[in-house]
N, C-alpha and C. Protein backbone atom coordinates (compact mmCIF):
# COMPACT_ATOMS: atom_id res chain seq x y z
N UNK A 1 12.33 7.38 -4.74
CA UNK A 1 12.57 6.79 -3.67
C UNK A 1 14.45 6.41 -4.21
N UNK A 2 14.63 5.77 -5.24
CA UNK A 2 15.99 5.17 -5.71
C UNK A 2 16.47 6.13 -6.45
N UNK A 3 16.22 7.54 -6.60
CA UNK A 3 16.80 8.47 -6.84
C UNK A 3 17.14 9.36 -5.99
N UNK A 4 17.15 8.71 -4.74
CA UNK A 4 17.55 9.86 -3.41
C UNK A 4 16.61 11.16 -3.36
N UNK A 5 15.08 11.02 -3.56
CA UNK A 5 14.20 12.49 -3.25
C UNK A 5 13.57 12.15 -2.35
N UNK A 6 13.68 12.71 -1.36
CA UNK A 6 12.84 12.73 -0.30
C UNK A 6 11.75 12.74 -0.30
N UNK A 7 10.30 11.82 0.03
CA UNK A 7 9.33 11.72 -0.72
C UNK A 7 8.47 11.28 0.75
N UNK A 8 7.37 12.12 1.06
CA UNK A 8 6.12 11.84 1.87
C UNK A 8 5.17 10.95 1.25
N UNK A 9 4.74 10.66 2.10
CA UNK A 9 3.46 9.40 1.65
C UNK A 9 2.73 9.24 2.98
N UNK A 10 1.17 8.48 2.46
CA UNK A 10 0.43 8.03 3.24
C UNK A 10 -0.28 6.73 3.07
N UNK A 11 0.04 5.79 3.64
CA UNK A 11 -0.47 4.71 3.41
C UNK A 11 -2.09 4.44 3.34
N UNK A 12 -2.37 3.48 2.03
CA UNK A 12 -3.69 3.62 1.47
C UNK A 12 -4.23 1.95 2.22
N UNK A 13 -5.53 1.73 2.02
CA UNK A 13 -6.25 0.52 2.22
C UNK A 13 -5.57 -0.64 1.07
N UNK A 14 -5.30 -0.10 0.05
CA UNK A 14 -4.62 -0.85 -1.20
C UNK A 14 -3.49 -0.97 -1.39
N UNK A 15 -3.20 -2.59 -1.79
CA UNK A 15 -1.48 -2.78 -1.64
C UNK A 15 -0.22 -1.79 -1.95
N UNK A 16 -1.00 -1.53 -3.51
CA UNK A 16 -0.33 -0.37 -4.05
C UNK A 16 -0.31 1.03 -3.18
N UNK A 17 -1.00 1.04 -2.68
CA UNK A 17 -0.77 2.71 -2.15
C UNK A 17 -0.24 2.44 -0.76
N UNK A 18 0.31 1.19 0.19
CA UNK A 18 1.42 1.06 0.96
C UNK A 18 2.68 0.64 0.49
N UNK A 19 2.81 0.59 -0.89
CA UNK A 19 4.52 0.10 -1.38
C UNK A 19 5.62 1.47 -0.92
N UNK A 20 5.65 2.14 -1.06
CA UNK A 20 6.04 3.46 -0.55
C UNK A 20 6.33 3.62 0.88
N UNK A 21 5.47 3.56 1.42
CA UNK A 21 5.11 3.49 3.08
C UNK A 21 6.21 2.63 3.37
N UNK A 22 5.79 1.28 3.22
CA UNK A 22 7.18 0.17 3.41
C UNK A 22 8.25 0.35 3.18
N UNK A 23 8.80 0.96 2.04
CA UNK A 23 10.09 0.83 1.80
C UNK A 23 10.37 2.12 2.61
N UNK A 24 10.00 3.25 3.06
CA UNK A 24 10.26 3.87 3.67
C UNK A 24 10.50 3.84 5.20
N UNK A 25 9.37 2.82 5.70
CA UNK A 25 9.66 2.45 7.31
C UNK A 25 10.70 1.56 7.20
N UNK A 26 10.91 0.80 5.97
CA UNK A 26 12.20 -0.46 5.96
C UNK A 26 13.64 0.19 6.10
N UNK A 27 13.23 1.42 5.17
CA UNK A 27 15.08 2.02 5.22
C UNK A 27 15.15 3.01 6.38
N UNK A 28 13.89 3.15 7.57
CA UNK A 28 14.47 3.55 8.46
C UNK A 28 13.71 5.18 8.70
N UNK A 29 13.08 5.76 7.73
CA UNK A 29 12.43 6.57 7.22
C UNK A 29 11.22 7.10 7.75
N UNK A 30 10.90 6.36 8.65
CA UNK A 30 9.58 6.25 8.92
C UNK A 30 8.92 7.91 9.33
N UNK A 31 9.73 8.56 9.98
CA UNK A 31 9.19 10.29 10.00
C UNK A 31 8.48 10.85 8.45
N UNK A 32 8.65 10.01 7.24
CA UNK A 32 7.97 10.67 5.86
C UNK A 32 6.70 9.64 5.61
N UNK A 33 6.53 8.90 6.61
CA UNK A 33 4.98 8.15 6.50
C UNK A 33 3.80 9.32 7.40
N UNK A 34 2.96 9.62 6.86
CA UNK A 34 2.36 10.54 7.81
C UNK A 34 0.76 9.56 8.22
N UNK A 35 0.01 10.07 9.04
CA UNK A 35 -0.91 9.03 9.54
C UNK A 35 -2.57 9.80 9.52
N UNK A 36 -2.30 10.56 8.71
CA UNK A 36 -3.61 11.55 7.97
C UNK A 36 -3.71 11.89 7.26
N UNK A 37 -4.42 12.80 6.44
CA UNK A 37 -4.63 13.83 5.48
C UNK A 37 -3.91 14.86 5.76
N UNK A 38 -4.19 15.64 6.85
CA UNK A 38 -3.75 17.03 7.58
C UNK A 38 -2.50 16.95 7.82
N UNK A 39 -1.76 15.57 8.50
CA UNK A 39 -0.46 15.52 8.80
C UNK A 39 0.44 15.06 7.75
N UNK A 40 -0.48 14.63 6.56
CA UNK A 40 0.55 14.48 4.91
C UNK A 40 1.03 16.12 4.34
N UNK A 41 -0.11 17.15 4.69
CA UNK A 41 0.30 18.59 3.98
C UNK A 41 1.27 19.07 5.06
N UNK A 42 1.16 18.84 6.57
CA UNK A 42 2.44 19.43 7.37
C UNK A 42 3.40 18.93 7.43
N UNK A 43 3.15 17.48 7.11
CA UNK A 43 4.75 16.87 6.78
C UNK A 43 5.45 17.12 5.82
N UNK A 44 4.78 17.21 4.36
CA UNK A 44 5.47 17.78 3.07
C UNK A 44 6.09 19.27 3.47
N UNK A 45 5.38 20.16 4.07
CA UNK A 45 6.08 21.67 4.27
C UNK A 45 6.78 21.09 5.21
N UNK A 46 6.82 20.73 6.10
CA UNK A 46 8.36 20.75 7.00
C UNK A 46 9.82 20.33 6.37
N UNK A 47 9.27 18.92 5.38
CA UNK A 47 10.40 18.39 4.64
C UNK A 47 10.85 19.61 3.62
N UNK A 48 10.26 20.32 2.63
CA UNK A 48 10.21 21.41 1.99
C UNK A 48 10.97 22.90 2.84
N UNK A 49 10.70 22.78 3.90
CA UNK A 49 11.76 23.96 4.29
C UNK A 49 12.68 23.76 5.17
N UNK A 50 12.67 22.13 5.46
CA UNK A 50 14.15 21.90 6.34
C UNK A 50 15.10 21.66 5.43
N UNK A 51 15.91 22.23 4.99
CA UNK A 51 16.99 22.41 3.93
C UNK A 51 18.16 20.84 4.67
N UNK A 52 18.89 21.32 5.54
CA UNK A 52 19.26 20.20 6.20
C UNK A 52 19.01 19.11 6.49
N UNK A 53 17.63 19.01 7.07
CA UNK A 53 16.55 17.41 6.97
C UNK A 53 16.78 16.88 5.18
N UNK A 54 16.13 17.58 4.69
CA UNK A 54 16.40 17.05 3.22
C UNK A 54 17.46 16.54 2.96
N UNK A 55 18.83 17.02 3.21
CA UNK A 55 20.05 16.62 2.66
C UNK A 55 20.35 15.34 3.56
N UNK A 56 20.06 15.16 4.93
CA UNK A 56 20.24 13.99 5.61
C UNK A 56 19.54 12.78 4.40
N UNK A 57 17.81 13.62 4.38
CA UNK A 57 17.60 12.14 4.18
C UNK A 57 17.79 11.74 2.64
N UNK A 58 18.30 12.61 1.75
CA UNK A 58 18.69 12.27 0.48
C UNK A 58 19.81 11.38 0.48
N UNK A 59 20.79 11.66 1.77
CA UNK A 59 21.86 10.86 1.96
C UNK A 59 21.46 9.47 2.32
N UNK A 60 20.49 9.54 3.47
CA UNK A 60 19.88 8.02 3.57
C UNK A 60 19.38 7.20 2.39
N UNK A 61 18.70 8.06 1.83
CA UNK A 61 18.03 7.25 0.58
C UNK A 61 19.25 6.66 -0.58
N UNK A 62 20.31 7.25 -0.84
CA UNK A 62 21.19 7.44 -1.70
C UNK A 62 21.82 6.02 -1.08
N UNK A 63 22.13 5.64 0.75
CA UNK A 63 22.75 4.88 0.84
C UNK A 63 22.23 3.62 0.40
N UNK A 64 20.71 3.63 1.21
CA UNK A 64 20.07 2.61 0.98
C UNK A 64 20.08 2.07 -0.30
N UNK A 65 19.78 2.56 -2.11
CA UNK A 65 19.77 2.38 -2.80
C UNK A 65 20.92 1.45 -3.17
N UNK A 66 21.97 2.34 -2.66
CA UNK A 66 23.46 1.53 -3.18
C UNK A 66 23.69 -0.10 -2.30
N UNK A 67 22.97 0.19 -0.94
CA UNK A 67 23.52 -1.11 -0.40
C UNK A 67 22.30 -2.24 -0.64
N UNK A 68 21.33 -2.67 -1.64
CA UNK A 68 20.96 -3.49 -2.07
C UNK A 68 19.43 -3.72 -1.44
N UNK A 69 19.03 -5.11 -1.52
CA UNK A 69 17.15 -5.05 -0.82
C UNK A 69 17.57 -6.36 -0.08
N UNK A 70 17.12 -6.31 1.50
CA UNK A 70 17.10 -7.27 2.32
C UNK A 70 15.95 -7.50 2.43
N UNK A 71 14.94 -8.65 1.66
CA UNK A 71 14.09 -9.18 1.81
C UNK A 71 13.03 -9.38 3.12
N UNK A 72 13.78 -10.25 3.42
CA UNK A 72 13.45 -10.76 5.25
C UNK A 72 13.32 -9.38 5.90
N UNK A 73 14.09 -8.70 6.06
CA UNK A 73 13.84 -7.14 6.91
C UNK A 73 12.71 -6.44 6.34
N UNK A 74 12.42 -6.17 4.68
CA UNK A 74 11.44 -5.37 3.98
C UNK A 74 10.06 -6.19 4.66
N UNK A 75 10.08 -7.55 4.49
CA UNK A 75 9.09 -8.22 4.86
C UNK A 75 8.25 -7.92 6.30
N UNK A 76 9.41 -7.78 7.02
CA UNK A 76 8.92 -7.14 8.39
C UNK A 76 8.33 -5.90 8.67
N UNK A 77 9.30 -5.11 7.90
CA UNK A 77 8.53 -3.65 7.82
C UNK A 77 7.60 -3.36 7.15
N UNK A 78 7.05 -4.10 6.02
CA UNK A 78 5.82 -3.88 5.14
C UNK A 78 4.88 -4.62 6.25
N UNK A 79 4.75 -5.94 7.15
CA UNK A 79 4.03 -5.78 8.08
C UNK A 79 3.59 -4.64 9.01
N UNK A 80 4.20 -4.00 9.35
CA UNK A 80 4.20 -2.57 10.09
C UNK A 80 3.38 -1.85 9.63
N UNK A 81 3.46 -1.48 7.83
CA UNK A 81 2.75 -0.43 7.42
C UNK A 81 1.57 -1.05 7.02
N UNK A 82 1.13 -2.28 7.03
CA UNK A 82 -0.41 -2.77 6.90
C UNK A 82 -0.92 -2.34 8.39
N UNK A 83 -0.34 -2.88 9.56
CA UNK A 83 -0.78 -2.28 10.58
C UNK A 83 -1.51 -0.61 10.73
N UNK A 84 -0.33 0.18 10.31
CA UNK A 84 -0.70 1.34 9.89
C UNK A 84 -1.82 1.78 9.05
N UNK A 85 -2.22 1.00 8.12
CA UNK A 85 -3.04 1.26 7.03
C UNK A 85 -4.32 0.70 7.77
N UNK A 86 -4.40 0.19 8.63
CA UNK A 86 -5.58 -0.99 9.21
C UNK A 86 -5.86 0.26 10.27
N UNK A 87 -4.93 0.83 11.34
CA UNK A 87 -5.44 1.68 12.04
C UNK A 87 -6.09 2.86 11.28
N UNK A 88 -5.64 3.33 10.16
CA UNK A 88 -5.94 4.35 9.56
C UNK A 88 -7.49 4.29 8.92
N UNK A 89 -7.88 3.07 8.62
CA UNK A 89 -9.12 2.80 8.13
C UNK A 89 -10.42 2.56 9.47
N UNK A 90 -9.71 2.29 10.46
CA UNK A 90 -10.53 1.93 11.66
C UNK A 90 -10.67 3.58 12.11
N UNK A 91 -9.76 4.14 12.21
CA UNK A 91 -10.18 5.74 12.88
C UNK A 91 -10.78 6.19 11.88
N UNK A 92 -10.74 6.22 10.36
CA UNK A 92 -11.76 6.93 9.19
C UNK A 92 -13.19 6.26 9.81
N UNK A 93 -13.30 4.97 10.08
CA UNK A 93 -14.44 4.50 10.17
C UNK A 93 -15.47 4.47 11.41
N UNK A 94 -14.64 5.29 12.22
CA UNK A 94 -15.05 5.57 13.89
C UNK A 94 -14.99 4.40 14.80
N UNK A 95 -14.16 3.36 14.39
CA UNK A 95 -13.93 2.02 15.29
C UNK A 95 -13.14 2.52 16.63
N UNK A 96 -13.57 2.26 17.73
CA UNK A 96 -12.73 2.50 18.96
C UNK A 96 -11.98 1.45 19.31
N UNK A 97 -11.79 0.37 18.43
CA UNK A 97 -11.25 -0.59 18.56
C UNK A 97 -9.48 -0.55 19.18
N UNK A 98 -8.83 -1.68 19.29
CA UNK A 98 -7.54 -1.29 19.47
C UNK A 98 -6.51 -1.41 18.24
N UNK A 99 -5.77 -0.35 18.98
CA UNK A 99 -4.60 0.37 17.80
C UNK A 99 -3.55 0.05 17.63
N UNK A 100 -2.63 -0.28 16.88
CA UNK A 100 -1.30 -0.44 16.95
C UNK A 100 -0.29 0.70 17.18
N UNK A 101 -0.61 1.65 16.17
CA UNK A 101 0.08 2.99 15.56
C UNK A 101 -0.15 4.29 16.11
N UNK A 102 -1.73 4.52 16.03
CA UNK A 102 -1.92 5.63 16.08
C UNK A 102 -2.55 5.83 17.37
N UNK A 103 -2.18 7.09 18.03
CA UNK A 103 -3.15 7.68 19.07
C UNK A 103 -4.05 8.69 18.67
N UNK A 104 -5.64 8.39 19.13
CA UNK A 104 -6.19 9.71 18.67
C UNK A 104 -6.90 10.20 19.71
N UNK A 105 -6.46 11.73 19.72
CA UNK A 105 -7.26 12.39 21.31
C UNK A 105 -7.98 13.31 20.89
């Protein structure tokens, strides 16, 4: 990420699996965070095929890396990523409870 290379990721249950997602959400690039395994492949292909979009993403990542790091804002974004991971686990386990970020049709 600090090299301004567009990265697609999917948050997992463990904290080390949510770091990239958290950083991307914090940088305003939540469109690079997938919501599932099939979405991860589709999203990766979309980024690979869209040269103009990759250029914009690289610029955003580069500007973010140069601007420093806001711990308070990152903490708020990280909380959102944890909610996404909890939603994913609930979906994978077949839970029908409340979801914050994912709509399953």
